[in-house]
PDB file of N, CA and C in Angstrom:
ATOM      1  N   MET A   1     -38.501  77.029 226.081  1.00  0.00           N
ATOM      2  CA  MET A   1     -38.974  78.237 225.429  1.00  0.00           C
ATOM      3  C   MET A   1     -38.292  78.347 224.067  1.00  0.00           C
ATOM      4  N   ARG A   2     -39.041  78.781 223.080  1.00  0.00           N
ATOM      5  CA  ARG A   2     -38.507  78.959 221.727  1.00  0.00           C
ATOM      6  C   ARG A   2     -37.404  80.010 221.720  1.00  0.00           C
ATOM      7  N   LEU A   3     -36.455  79.841 220.802  1.00  0.00           N
ATOM      8  CA  LEU A   3     -35.318  80.762 220.707  1.00  0.00           C
ATOM      9  C   LEU A   3     -35.765  82.172 220.390  1.00  0.00           C
ATOM     10  N   ASP A   4     -36.669  82.344 219.426  1.00  0.00           N
ATOM     11  CA  ASP A   4     -37.092  83.692 219.061  1.00  0.00           C
ATOM     12  C   ASP A   4     -37.794  84.396 220.219  1.00  0.00           C
ATOM     13  N   VAL A   5     -38.590  83.664 220.973  1.00  0.00           N
ATOM     14  CA  VAL A   5     -39.273  84.246 222.129  1.00  0.00           C
ATOM     15  C   VAL A   5     -38.258  84.577 223.221  1.00  0.00           C
ATOM     16  N   TRP A   6     -37.290  83.698 223.429  1.00  0.00           N
ATOM     17  CA  TRP A   6     -36.277  83.931 224.460  1.00  0.00           C
ATOM     18  C   TRP A   6     -35.459  85.185 224.149  1.00  0.00           C
ATOM     19  N   LEU A   7     -35.038  85.333 222.878  1.00  0.00           N
ATOM     20  CA  LEU A   7     -34.259  86.518 222.497  1.00  0.00           C
ATOM     21  C   LEU A   7     -35.058  87.800 222.708  1.00  0.00           C
ATOM     22  N   TRP A   8     -36.350  87.749 222.426  1.00  0.00           N
ATOM     23  CA  TRP A   8     -37.215  88.903 222.650  1.00  0.00           C
ATOM     24  C   TRP A   8     -37.409  89.138 224.149  1.00  0.00           C
ATOM     25  N   ALA A   9     -37.614  88.062 224.916  1.00  0.00           N
ATOM     26  CA  ALA A   9     -37.897  88.180 226.349  1.00  0.00           C
ATOM     27  C   ALA A   9     -36.715  88.734 227.131  1.00  0.00           C
ATOM     28  N   VAL A  10     -35.480  88.424 226.716  1.00  0.00           N
ATOM     29  CA  VAL A  10     -34.305  88.931 227.427  1.00  0.00           C
ATOM     30  C   VAL A  10     -33.756  90.202 226.776  1.00  0.00           C
ATOM     31  N   ARG A  11     -34.569  90.798 225.919  1.00  0.00           N
ATOM     32  CA  ARG A  11     -34.291  92.107 225.331  1.00  0.00           C
ATOM     33  C   ARG A  11     -33.070  92.152 224.418  1.00  0.00           C
ATOM     34  N   ALA A  12     -32.773  91.051 223.742  1.00  0.00           N
ATOM     35  CA  ALA A  12     -31.706  91.075 222.744  1.00  0.00           C
ATOM     36  C   ALA A  12     -32.218  91.770 221.483  1.00  0.00           C
ATOM     37  N   TYR A  13     -33.493  91.581 221.179  1.00  0.00           N
ATOM     38  CA  TYR A  13     -34.151  92.227 220.037  1.00  0.00           C
ATOM     39  C   TYR A  13     -35.412  92.916 220.528  1.00  0.00           C
ATOM     40  N   LYS A  14     -35.790  94.012 219.851  1.00  0.00           N
ATOM     41  CA  LYS A  14     -36.943  94.790 220.292  1.00  0.00           C
ATOM     42  C   LYS A  14     -38.265  94.077 220.050  1.00  0.00           C
ATOM     43  N   THR A  15     -38.352  93.332 218.957  1.00  0.00           N
ATOM     44  CA  THR A  15     -39.592  92.617 218.669  1.00  0.00           C
ATOM     45  C   THR A  15     -39.277  91.168 218.351  1.00  0.00           C
ATOM     46  N   ARG A  16     -40.300  90.339 218.481  1.00  0.00           N
ATOM     47  CA  ARG A  16     -40.121  88.925 218.189  1.00  0.00           C
ATOM     48  C   ARG A  16     -39.900  88.724 216.693  1.00  0.00           C
ATOM     49  N   SER A  17     -40.553  89.520 215.868  1.00  0.00           N
ATOM     50  CA  SER A  17     -40.393  89.359 214.422  1.00  0.00           C
ATOM     51  C   SER A  17     -38.975  89.721 213.974  1.00  0.00           C
ATOM     52  N   THR A  18     -38.333  90.708 214.611  1.00  0.00           N
ATOM     53  CA  THR A  18     -36.941  91.003 214.255  1.00  0.00           C
ATOM     54  C   THR A  18     -36.019  89.877 214.714  1.00  0.00           C
ATOM     55  N   ALA A  19     -36.367  89.241 215.827  1.00  0.00           N
ATOM     56  CA  ALA A  19     -35.589  88.082 216.290  1.00  0.00           C
ATOM     57  C   ALA A  19     -35.705  86.937 215.288  1.00  0.00           C
ATOM     58  N   VAL A  20     -36.913  86.683 214.790  1.00  0.00           N
ATOM     59  CA  VAL A  20     -37.125  85.624 213.799  1.00  0.00           C
ATOM     60  C   VAL A  20     -36.351  85.932 212.520  1.00  0.00           C
ATOM     61  N   ASP A  21     -36.412  87.184 212.061  1.00  0.00           N
ATOM     62  CA  ASP A  21     -35.689  87.579 210.843  1.00  0.00           C
ATOM     63  C   ASP A  21     -34.181  87.396 211.006  1.00  0.00           C
ATOM     64  N   ALA A  22     -33.656  87.760 212.184  1.00  0.00           N
ATOM     65  CA  ALA A  22     -32.218  87.611 212.437  1.00  0.00           C
ATOM     66  C   ALA A  22     -31.821  86.136 212.465  1.00  0.00           C
ATOM     67  N   ILE A  23     -32.642  85.293 213.055  1.00  0.00           N
ATOM     68  CA  ILE A  23     -32.335  83.858 213.114  1.00  0.00           C
ATOM     69  C   ILE A  23     -32.340  83.269 211.710  1.00  0.00           C
ATOM     70  N   ARG A  24     -33.358  83.603 210.927  1.00  0.00           N
ATOM     71  CA  ARG A  24     -33.453  83.081 209.560  1.00  0.00           C
ATOM     72  C   ARG A  24     -32.337  83.597 208.663  1.00  0.00           C
ATOM     73  N   ALA A  25     -31.832  84.798 208.944  1.00  0.00           N
ATOM     74  CA  ALA A  25     -30.739  85.369 208.157  1.00  0.00           C
ATOM     75  C   ALA A  25     -29.388  84.782 208.550  1.00  0.00           C
ATOM     76  N   GLY A  26     -29.343  83.995 209.612  1.00  0.00           N
ATOM     77  CA  GLY A  26     -28.089  83.380 210.046  1.00  0.00           C
ATOM     78  C   GLY A  26     -27.282  84.264 210.972  1.00  0.00           C
ATOM     79  N   ASN A  27     -27.909  85.292 211.563  1.00  0.00           N
ATOM     80  CA  ASN A  27     -27.213  86.201 212.465  1.00  0.00           C
ATOM     81  C   ASN A  27     -27.214  85.717 213.910  1.00  0.00           C
ATOM     82  N   VAL A  28     -27.793  84.544 214.157  1.00  0.00           N
ATOM     83  CA  VAL A  28     -27.851  83.981 215.513  1.00  0.00           C
ATOM     84  C   VAL A  28     -27.305  82.559 215.464  1.00  0.00           C
ATOM     85  N   GLN A  29     -26.453  82.241 216.427  1.00  0.00           N
ATOM     86  CA  GLN A  29     -25.929  80.887 216.561  1.00  0.00           C
ATOM     87  C   GLN A  29     -26.167  80.405 217.984  1.00  0.00           C
ATOM     88  N   VAL A  30     -26.494  79.135 218.100  1.00  0.00           N
ATOM     89  CA  VAL A  30     -26.656  78.509 219.415  1.00  0.00           C
ATOM     90  C   VAL A  30     -25.671  77.355 219.472  1.00  0.00           C
ATOM     91  N   ASN A  31     -24.746  77.438 220.412  1.00  0.00           N
ATOM     92  CA  ASN A  31     -23.692  76.424 220.556  1.00  0.00           C
ATOM     93  C   ASN A  31     -22.984  76.177 219.222  1.00  0.00           C
ATOM     94  N   GLN A  32     -22.648  77.241 218.530  1.00  0.00           N
ATOM     95  CA  GLN A  32     -21.912  77.244 217.258  1.00  0.00           C
ATOM     96  C   GLN A  32     -22.662  76.547 216.130  1.00  0.00           C
ATOM     97  N   ALA A  33     -23.978  76.507 216.193  1.00  0.00           N
ATOM     98  CA  ALA A  33     -24.805  75.939 215.131  1.00  0.00           C
ATOM     99  C   ALA A  33     -25.881  76.952 214.765  1.00  0.00           C
ATOM    100  N   ILE A  34     -26.257  76.977 213.502  1.00  0.00           N
ATOM    101  CA  ILE A  34     -27.309  77.882 213.058  1.00  0.00           C
ATOM    102  C   ILE A  34     -28.656  77.201 213.310  1.00  0.00           C
ATOM    103  N   PRO A  35     -29.482  77.783 214.182  1.00  0.00           N
ATOM    104  CA  PRO A  35     -30.743  77.144 214.577  1.00  0.00           C
ATOM    105  C   PRO A  35     -31.941  77.642 213.761  1.00  0.00           C
ATOM    106  N   LYS A  36     -33.077  77.050 214.056  1.00  0.00           N
ATOM    107  CA  LYS A  36     -34.364  77.534 213.556  1.00  0.00           C
ATOM    108  C   LYS A  36     -34.990  78.362 214.675  1.00  0.00           C
ATOM    109  N   PRO A  37     -35.936  79.255 214.349  1.00  0.00           N
ATOM    110  CA  PRO A  37     -36.570  80.063 215.400  1.00  0.00           C
ATOM    111  C   PRO A  37     -37.297  79.233 216.453  1.00  0.00           C
ATOM    112  N   SER A  38     -37.727  78.026 216.105  1.00  0.00           N
ATOM    113  CA  SER A  38     -38.497  77.211 217.041  1.00  0.00           C
ATOM    114  C   SER A  38     -37.634  76.363 217.968  1.00  0.00           C
ATOM    115  N   ARG A  39     -36.313  76.456 217.853  1.00  0.00           N
ATOM    116  CA  ARG A  39     -35.424  75.645 218.697  1.00  0.00           C
ATOM    117  C   ARG A  39     -35.618  76.019 220.154  1.00  0.00           C
ATOM    118  N   ASP A  40     -35.657  75.025 221.027  1.00  0.00           N
ATOM    119  CA  ASP A  40     -35.794  75.274 222.464  1.00  0.00           C
ATOM    120  C   ASP A  40     -34.465  75.722 223.049  1.00  0.00           C
ATOM    121  N   VAL A  41     -34.533  76.716 223.924  1.00  0.00           N
ATOM    122  CA  VAL A  41     -33.350  77.218 224.621  1.00  0.00           C
ATOM    123  C   VAL A  41     -33.271  76.510 225.965  1.00  0.00           C
ATOM    124  N   GLN A  42     -32.126  75.917 226.234  1.00  0.00           N
ATOM    125  CA  GLN A  42     -31.894  75.203 227.491  1.00  0.00           C
ATOM    126  C   GLN A  42     -30.883  75.994 228.328  1.00  0.00           C
ATOM    127  N   PRO A  43     -30.954  75.913 229.649  1.00  0.00           N
ATOM    128  CA  PRO A  43     -29.948  76.572 230.478  1.00  0.00           C
ATOM    129  C   PRO A  43     -28.553  76.065 230.112  1.00  0.00           C
ATOM    130  N   GLY A  44     -27.623  76.997 229.970  1.00  0.00           N
ATOM    131  CA  GLY A  44     -26.257  76.659 229.602  1.00  0.00           C
ATOM    132  C   GLY A  44     -25.965  76.851 228.122  1.00  0.00           C
ATOM    133  N   ASP A  45     -26.979  77.044 227.297  1.00  0.00           N
ATOM    134  CA  ASP A  45     -26.745  77.279 225.863  1.00  0.00           C
ATOM    135  C   ASP A  45     -25.995  78.590 225.661  1.00  0.00           C
ATOM    136  N   LEU A  46     -25.030  78.577 224.741  1.00  0.00           N
ATOM    137  CA  LEU A  46     -24.264  79.765 224.398  1.00  0.00           C
ATOM    138  C   LEU A  46     -24.857  80.339 223.119  1.00  0.00           C
ATOM    139  N   ILE A  47     -25.364  81.553 223.185  1.00  0.00           N
ATOM    140  CA  ILE A  47     -26.056  82.180 222.069  1.00  0.00           C
ATOM    141  C   ILE A  47     -25.263  83.393 221.620  1.00  0.00           C
ATOM    142  N   VAL A  48     -24.903  83.421 220.337  1.00  0.00           N
ATOM    143  CA  VAL A  48     -24.196  84.553 219.739  1.00  0.00           C
ATOM    144  C   VAL A  48     -25.165  85.198 218.757  1.00  0.00           C
ATOM    145  N   ALA A  49     -25.533  86.456 219.024  1.00  0.00           N
ATOM    146  CA  ALA A  49     -26.518  87.151 218.206  1.00  0.00           C
ATOM    147  C   ALA A  49     -25.937  88.470 217.708  1.00  0.00           C
ATOM    148  N   LYS A  50     -26.034  88.690 216.414  1.00  0.00           N
ATOM    149  CA  LYS A  50     -25.598  89.961 215.836  1.00  0.00           C
ATOM    150  C   LYS A  50     -26.788  90.910 215.864  1.00  0.00           C
ATOM    151  N   VAL A  51     -26.650  91.971 216.642  1.00  0.00           N
ATOM    152  CA  VAL A  51     -27.709  92.964 216.796  1.00  0.00           C
ATOM    153  C   VAL A  51     -27.179  94.278 216.253  1.00  0.00           C
ATOM    154  N   GLY A  52     -27.570  94.620 215.037  1.00  0.00           N
ATOM    155  CA  GLY A  52     -27.027  95.807 214.390  1.00  0.00           C
ATOM    156  C   GLY A  52     -25.549  95.576 214.103  1.00  0.00           C
ATOM    157  N   ASP A  53     -24.695  96.460 214.601  1.00  0.00           N
ATOM    158  CA  ASP A  53     -23.254  96.316 214.423  1.00  0.00           C
ATOM    159  C   ASP A  53     -22.595  95.583 215.585  1.00  0.00           C
ATOM    160  N   LEU A  54     -23.362  95.306 216.621  1.00  0.00           N
ATOM    161  CA  LEU A  54     -22.841  94.668 217.826  1.00  0.00           C
ATOM    162  C   LEU A  54     -23.088  93.163 217.790  1.00  0.00           C
ATOM    163  N   THR A  55     -22.068  92.385 218.129  1.00  0.00           N
ATOM    164  CA  THR A  55     -22.218  90.934 218.239  1.00  0.00           C
ATOM    165  C   THR A  55     -22.266  90.587 219.721  1.00  0.00           C
ATOM    166  N   ARG A  56     -23.468  90.225 220.196  1.00  0.00           N
ATOM    167  CA  ARG A  56     -23.660  89.911 221.609  1.00  0.00           C
ATOM    168  C   ARG A  56     -23.503  88.424 221.852  1.00  0.00           C
ATOM    169  N   THR A  57     -22.854  88.074 222.954  1.00  0.00           N
ATOM    170  CA  THR A  57     -22.690  86.691 223.369  1.00  0.00           C
ATOM    171  C   THR A  57     -23.421  86.523 224.697  1.00  0.00           C
ATOM    172  N   LEU A  58     -24.401  85.616 224.705  1.00  0.00           N
ATOM    173  CA  LEU A  58     -25.224  85.405 225.892  1.00  0.00           C
ATOM    174  C   LEU A  58     -25.215  83.929 226.281  1.00  0.00           C
ATOM    175  N   ARG A  59     -25.237  83.660 227.583  1.00  0.00           N
ATOM    176  CA  ARG A  59     -25.390  82.295 228.073  1.00  0.00           C
ATOM    177  C   ARG A  59     -26.747  82.230 228.773  1.00  0.00           C
ATOM    178  N   ALA A  60     -27.572  81.295 228.327  1.00  0.00           N
ATOM    179  CA  ALA A  60     -28.913  81.155 228.889  1.00  0.00           C
ATOM    180  C   ALA A  60     -28.830  80.575 230.300  1.00  0.00           C
ATOM    181  N   LYS A  61     -29.513  81.221 231.230  1.00  0.00           N
ATOM    182  CA  LYS A  61     -29.594  80.728 232.603  1.00  0.00           C
ATOM    183  C   LYS A  61     -30.952  80.112 232.880  1.00  0.00           C
ATOM    184  N   GLY A  62     -31.951  80.574 232.155  1.00  0.00           N
ATOM    185  CA  GLY A  62     -33.305  80.088 232.363  1.00  0.00           C
ATOM    186  C   GLY A  62     -34.233  80.709 231.347  1.00  0.00           C
ATOM    187  N   SER A  63     -35.517  80.431 231.477  1.00  0.00           N
ATOM    188  CA  SER A  63     -36.518  80.961 230.558  1.00  0.00           C
ATOM    189  C   SER A  63     -37.549  81.755 231.330  1.00  0.00           C
ATOM    190  N   PRO A  64     -37.694  83.037 231.039  1.00  0.00           N
ATOM    191  CA  PRO A  64     -38.727  83.820 231.712  1.00  0.00           C
ATOM    192  C   PRO A  64     -40.114  83.464 231.165  1.00  0.00           C
ATOM    193  N   ARG A  65     -41.144  83.741 231.927  1.00  0.00           N
ATOM    194  CA  ARG A  65     -42.512  83.451 231.475  1.00  0.00           C
ATOM    195  C   ARG A  65     -42.912  84.374 230.334  1.00  0.00           C
ATOM    196  N   SER A  66     -42.460  85.618 230.387  1.00  0.00           N
ATOM    197  CA  SER A  66     -42.732  86.586 229.333  1.00  0.00           C
ATOM    198  C   SER A  66     -41.596  87.605 229.332  1.00  0.00           C
ATOM    199  N   ARG A  67     -41.729  88.659 228.539  1.00  0.00           N
ATOM    200  CA  ARG A  67     -40.671  89.670 228.464  1.00  0.00           C
ATOM    201  C   ARG A  67     -40.435  90.270 229.845  1.00  0.00           C
ATOM    202  N   VAL A  68     -39.159  90.417 230.194  1.00  0.00           N
ATOM    203  CA  VAL A  68     -38.815  90.912 231.530  1.00  0.00           C
ATOM    204  C   VAL A  68     -38.200  92.295 231.428  1.00  0.00           C
ATOM    205  N   GLY A  69     -38.228  93.013 232.527  1.00  0.00           N
ATOM    206  CA  GLY A  69     -37.608  94.321 232.591  1.00  0.00           C
ATOM    207  C   GLY A  69     -36.091  94.199 232.512  1.00  0.00           C
ATOM    208  N   ALA A  70     -35.462  95.288 232.130  1.00  0.00           N
ATOM    209  CA  ALA A  70     -34.014  95.280 231.944  1.00  0.00           C
ATOM    210  C   ALA A  70     -33.273  94.889 233.219  1.00  0.00           C
ATOM    211  N   ALA A  71     -33.821  95.236 234.376  1.00  0.00           N
ATOM    212  CA  ALA A  71     -33.159  94.899 235.640  1.00  0.00           C
ATOM    213  C   ALA A  71     -33.202  93.395 235.928  1.00  0.00           C
ATOM    214  N   LEU A  72     -34.168  92.677 235.351  1.00  0.00           N
ATOM    215  CA  LEU A  72     -34.310  91.247 235.615  1.00  0.00           C
ATOM    216  C   LEU A  72     -33.613  90.365 234.582  1.00  0.00           C
ATOM    217  N   VAL A  73     -33.094  90.942 233.516  1.00  0.00           N
ATOM    218  CA  VAL A  73     -32.444  90.157 232.461  1.00  0.00           C
ATOM    219  C   VAL A  73     -31.287  89.314 232.994  1.00  0.00           C
ATOM    220  N   PRO A  74     -30.436  89.808 233.908  1.00  0.00           N
ATOM    221  CA  PRO A  74     -29.326  88.971 234.402  1.00  0.00           C
ATOM    222  C   PRO A  74     -29.760  87.674 235.087  1.00  0.00           C
ATOM    223  N   GLU A  75     -31.019  87.558 235.506  1.00  0.00           N
ATOM    224  CA  GLU A  75     -31.499  86.309 236.106  1.00  0.00           C
ATOM    225  C   GLU A  75     -31.679  85.214 235.048  1.00  0.00           C
ATOM    226  N   TYR A  76     -31.861  85.614 233.790  1.00  0.00           N
ATOM    227  CA  TYR A  76     -32.164  84.655 232.733  1.00  0.00           C
ATOM    228  C   TYR A  76     -31.066  84.550 231.670  1.00  0.00           C
ATOM    229  N   ALA A  77     -30.181  85.556 231.585  1.00  0.00           N
ATOM    230  CA  ALA A  77     -29.123  85.544 230.581  1.00  0.00           C
ATOM    231  C   ALA A  77     -27.872  86.193 231.141  1.00  0.00           C
ATOM    232  N   GLU A  78     -26.755  85.528 230.957  1.00  0.00           N
ATOM    233  CA  GLU A  78     -25.461  86.070 231.371  1.00  0.00           C
ATOM    234  C   GLU A  78     -24.803  86.676 230.141  1.00  0.00           C
ATOM    235  N   ASP A  79     -24.461  87.960 230.200  1.00  0.00           N
ATOM    236  CA  ASP A  79     -23.875  88.655 229.058  1.00  0.00           C
ATOM    237  C   ASP A  79     -22.369  88.420 229.051  1.00  0.00           C
ATOM    238  N   LEU A  80     -21.885  87.693 228.042  1.00  0.00           N
ATOM    239  CA  LEU A  80     -20.462  87.384 227.908  1.00  0.00           C
ATOM    240  C   LEU A  80     -19.810  88.189 226.793  1.00  0.00           C
ATOM    241  N   THR A  81     -20.478  89.238 226.317  1.00  0.00           N
ATOM    242  CA  THR A  81     -19.953  90.061 225.243  1.00  0.00           C
ATOM    243  C   THR A  81     -18.650  90.710 225.693  1.00  0.00           C
ATOM    244  N   PRO A  82     -17.558  90.575 224.899  1.00  0.00           N
ATOM    245  CA  PRO A  82     -16.286  91.179 225.302  1.00  0.00           C
ATOM    246  C   PRO A  82     -16.387  92.712 225.344  1.00  0.00           C
ATOM    247  N   PRO A  83     -15.716  93.345 226.306  1.00  0.00           N
ATOM    248  CA  PRO A  83     -15.764  94.813 226.401  1.00  0.00           C
ATOM    249  C   PRO A  83     -15.238  95.492 225.140  1.00  0.00           C
ATOM    250  N   GLU A  84     -14.293  94.849 224.443  1.00  0.00           N
ATOM    251  CA  GLU A  84     -13.737  95.456 223.227  1.00  0.00           C
ATOM    252  C   GLU A  84     -14.824  95.638 222.174  1.00  0.00           C
ATOM    253  N   GLU A  85     -15.793  94.732 222.157  1.00  0.00           N
ATOM    254  CA  GLU A  85     -16.888  94.811 221.176  1.00  0.00           C
ATOM    255  C   GLU A  85     -17.736  96.056 221.418  1.00  0.00           C
ATOM    256  N   ARG A  86     -18.037  96.335 222.671  1.00  0.00           N
ATOM    257  CA  ARG A  86     -18.839  97.524 222.986  1.00  0.00           C
ATOM    258  C   ARG A  86     -18.056  98.808 222.736  1.00  0.00           C
ATOM    259  N   ILE A  87     -16.760  98.795 223.020  1.00  0.00           N
ATOM    260  CA  ILE A  87     -15.925  99.978 222.773  1.00  0.00           C
ATOM    261  C   ILE A  87     -15.818 100.243 221.273  1.00  0.00           C
ATOM    262  N   ARG A  88     -15.707  99.175 220.485  1.00  0.00           N
ATOM    263  CA  ARG A  88     -15.606  99.316 219.037  1.00  0.00           C
ATOM    264  C   ARG A  88     -16.846 100.003 218.474  1.00  0.00           C
ATOM    265  N   ILE A  89     -17.995  99.705 219.025  1.00  0.00           N
ATOM    266  CA  ILE A  89     -19.244 100.291 218.561  1.00  0.00           C
ATOM    267  C   ILE A  89     -19.311 101.772 218.921  1.00  0.00           C
ATOM    268  N   ARG A  90     -18.826 102.137 220.095  1.00  0.00           N
ATOM    269  CA  ARG A  90     -18.897 103.530 220.546  1.00  0.00           C
ATOM    270  C   ARG A  90     -17.909 104.435 219.832  1.00  0.00           C
ATOM    271  N   THR A  91     -16.784 103.887 219.373  1.00  0.00           N
ATOM    272  CA  THR A  91     -15.742 104.684 218.751  1.00  0.00           C
ATOM    273  C   THR A  91     -16.145 105.044 217.323  1.00  0.00           C
ATOM    274  N   PRO A  92     -16.212 106.340 217.010  1.00  0.00           N
ATOM    275  CA  PRO A  92     -16.575 106.711 215.644  1.00  0.00           C
ATOM    276  C   PRO A  92     -15.448 106.388 214.672  1.00  0.00           C
ATOM    277  N   SER A  93     -15.827 106.022 213.488  1.00  0.00           N
ATOM    278  CA  SER A  93     -14.846 105.682 212.467  1.00  0.00           C
ATOM    279  C   SER A  93     -14.275 106.955 211.854  1.00  0.00           C
ATOM    280  N   THR A  94     -12.970 107.004 211.683  1.00  0.00           N
ATOM    281  CA  THR A  94     -12.353 108.176 211.066  1.00  0.00           C
ATOM    282  C   THR A  94     -12.358 108.048 209.547  1.00  0.00           C
ATOM    283  N   GLU A  95     -12.889 106.952 209.032  1.00  0.00           N
ATOM    284  CA  GLU A  95     -12.942 106.762 207.592  1.00  0.00           C
ATOM    285  C   GLU A  95     -14.150 107.447 206.969  1.00  0.00           C
ATOM    286  N   ILE A  96     -15.011 108.026 207.774  1.00  0.00           N
ATOM    287  CA  ILE A  96     -16.193 108.702 207.264  1.00  0.00           C
ATOM    288  C   ILE A  96     -15.752 109.982 206.578  1.00  0.00           C
ATOM    289  N   VAL A  97     -16.262 110.184 205.383  1.00  0.00           N
ATOM    290  CA  VAL A  97     -15.901 111.371 204.613  1.00  0.00           C
ATOM    291  C   VAL A  97     -16.382 112.608 205.351  1.00  0.00           C
ATOM    292  N   GLY A  98     -15.485 113.556 205.546  1.00  0.00           N
ATOM    293  CA  GLY A  98     -15.831 114.799 206.212  1.00  0.00           C
ATOM    294  C   GLY A  98     -15.882 114.692 207.722  1.00  0.00           C
ATOM    295  N   PHE A  99     -15.399 113.583 208.284  1.00  0.00           N
ATOM    296  CA  PHE A  99     -15.418 113.420 209.737  1.00  0.00           C
ATOM    297  C   PHE A  99     -14.435 114.377 210.377  1.00  0.00           C
ATOM    298  N   ARG A 100     -14.912 115.093 211.376  1.00  0.00           N
ATOM    299  CA  ARG A 100     -14.047 115.987 212.142  1.00  0.00           C
ATOM    300  C   ARG A 100     -14.310 115.731 213.615  1.00  0.00           C
ATOM    301  N   PRO A 101     -13.258 115.633 214.413  1.00  0.00           N
ATOM    302  CA  PRO A 101     -13.453 115.410 215.846  1.00  0.00           C
ATOM    303  C   PRO A 101     -14.251 116.552 216.474  1.00  0.00           C
ATOM    304  N   LYS A 102     -15.100 116.203 217.434  1.00  0.00           N
ATOM    305  CA  LYS A 102     -15.917 117.195 218.112  1.00  0.00           C
ATOM    306  C   LYS A 102     -15.014 118.194 218.830  1.00  0.00           C
ATOM    307  N   GLY A 103     -15.320 119.472 218.677  1.00  0.00           N
ATOM    308  CA  GLY A 103     -14.552 120.520 219.330  1.00  0.00           C
ATOM    309  C   GLY A 103     -13.346 120.983 218.535  1.00  0.00           C
ATOM    310  N   SER A 104     -13.187 120.494 217.316  1.00  0.00           N
ATOM    311  CA  SER A 104     -12.015 120.897 216.530  1.00  0.00           C
ATOM    312  C   SER A 104     -12.238 122.211 215.802  1.00  0.00           C
ATOM    313  N   GLY A 105     -13.415 122.770 215.917  1.00  0.00           N
ATOM    314  CA  GLY A 105     -13.679 124.061 215.306  1.00  0.00           C
ATOM    315  C   GLY A 105     -14.069 123.951 213.842  1.00  0.00           C
ATOM    316  N   ARG A 106     -14.145 125.124 213.239  1.00  0.00           N
ATOM    317  CA  ARG A 106     -14.552 125.195 211.847  1.00  0.00           C
ATOM    318  C   ARG A 106     -13.400 124.757 210.945  1.00  0.00           C
ATOM    319  N   PRO A 107     -13.688 124.086 209.818  1.00  0.00           N
ATOM    320  CA  PRO A 107     -12.594 123.681 208.942  1.00  0.00           C
ATOM    321  C   PRO A 107     -11.923 124.891 208.291  1.00  0.00           C
ATOM    322  N   THR A 108     -10.610 124.800 208.170  1.00  0.00           N
ATOM    323  CA  THR A 108      -9.879 125.873 207.496  1.00  0.00           C
ATOM    324  C   THR A 108     -10.060 125.724 205.997  1.00  0.00           C
ATOM    325  N   LYS A 109      -9.536 126.700 205.257  1.00  0.00           N
ATOM    326  CA  LYS A 109      -9.636 126.646 203.803  1.00  0.00           C
ATOM    327  C   LYS A 109      -8.909 125.406 203.275  1.00  0.00           C
ATOM    328  N   ARG A 110      -7.774 125.091 203.880  1.00  0.00           N
ATOM    329  CA  ARG A 110      -7.004 123.913 203.485  1.00  0.00           C
ATOM    330  C   ARG A 110      -7.803 122.632 203.745  1.00  0.00           C
ATOM    331  N   ASP A 111      -8.455 122.565 204.931  1.00  0.00           N
ATOM    332  CA  ASP A 111      -9.292 121.406 205.259  1.00  0.00           C
ATOM    333  C   ASP A 111     -10.432 121.247 204.269  1.00  0.00           C
ATOM    334  N   ARG A 112     -11.074 122.366 203.905  1.00  0.00           N
ATOM    335  CA  ARG A 112     -12.188 122.299 202.953  1.00  0.00           C
ATOM    336  C   ARG A 112     -11.718 121.797 201.597  1.00  0.00           C
ATOM    337  N   ARG A 113     -10.529 122.195 201.179  1.00  0.00           N
ATOM    338  CA  ARG A 113      -9.994 121.708 199.904  1.00  0.00           C
ATOM    339  C   ARG A 113      -9.759 120.202 199.952  1.00  0.00           C
ATOM    340  N   ARG A 114      -9.231 119.713 201.068  1.00  0.00           N
ATOM    341  CA  ARG A 114      -9.017 118.268 201.212  1.00  0.00           C
ATOM    342  C   ARG A 114     -10.339 117.508 201.191  1.00  0.00           C
ATOM    343  N   ILE A 115     -11.335 118.050 201.860  1.00  0.00           N
ATOM    344  CA  ILE A 115     -12.649 117.399 201.868  1.00  0.00           C
ATOM    345  C   ILE A 115     -13.223 117.381 200.456  1.00  0.00           C
ATOM    346  N   ASP A 116     -13.080 118.478 199.737  1.00  0.00           N
ATOM    347  CA  ASP A 116     -13.575 118.536 198.354  1.00  0.00           C
ATOM    348  C   ASP A 116     -12.855 117.529 197.461  1.00  0.00           C
ATOM    349  N   GLU A 117     -11.545 117.324 197.696  1.00  0.00           N
ATOM    350  CA  GLU A 117     -10.794 116.337 196.901  1.00  0.00           C
ATOM    351  C   GLU A 117     -11.302 114.917 197.169  1.00  0.00           C
ATOM    352  N   ILE A 118     -11.636 114.626 198.422  1.00  0.00           N
ATOM    353  CA  ILE A 118     -12.132 113.296 198.770  1.00  0.00           C
ATOM    354  C   ILE A 118     -13.495 113.051 198.147  1.00  0.00           C
ATOM    355  N   ILE A 119     -14.346 114.062 198.206  1.00  0.00           N
ATOM    356  CA  ILE A 119     -15.708 113.923 197.688  1.00  0.00           C
ATOM    357  C   ILE A 119     -15.702 113.817 196.170  1.00  0.00           C
ATOM    358  N   SER A 120     -14.838 114.559 195.520  1.00  0.00           N
ATOM    359  CA  SER A 120     -14.817 114.565 194.037  1.00  0.00           C
ATOM    360  C   SER A 120     -14.162 113.379 193.442  1.00  0.00           C
TER     361      SER A 120
END
């Protein structure tokens, strides 16, 4: 099965065209090599795909006939993505201008002055 179809079938990308664009942009590696979208995926191939801000690591187990449901994905792809990668994505960055932790209340006058200094 072609790499772009496989990535779409195991739900790494929402559409096949986004999978093709990611492969051509160099955001996908197969066994530490940059492939073409038409490369065949073999069982045991290690696929590293950058999906948005997340870098997913998948090991191919097989090729589905077509796109499969989320519950069936583990039959065709083993997810080796480190847990730290998923936690990093969930954690909001404190470098965002005006970021305030949820539940911290309204900014004080002093806080507003600091925010204005950062913005200006």
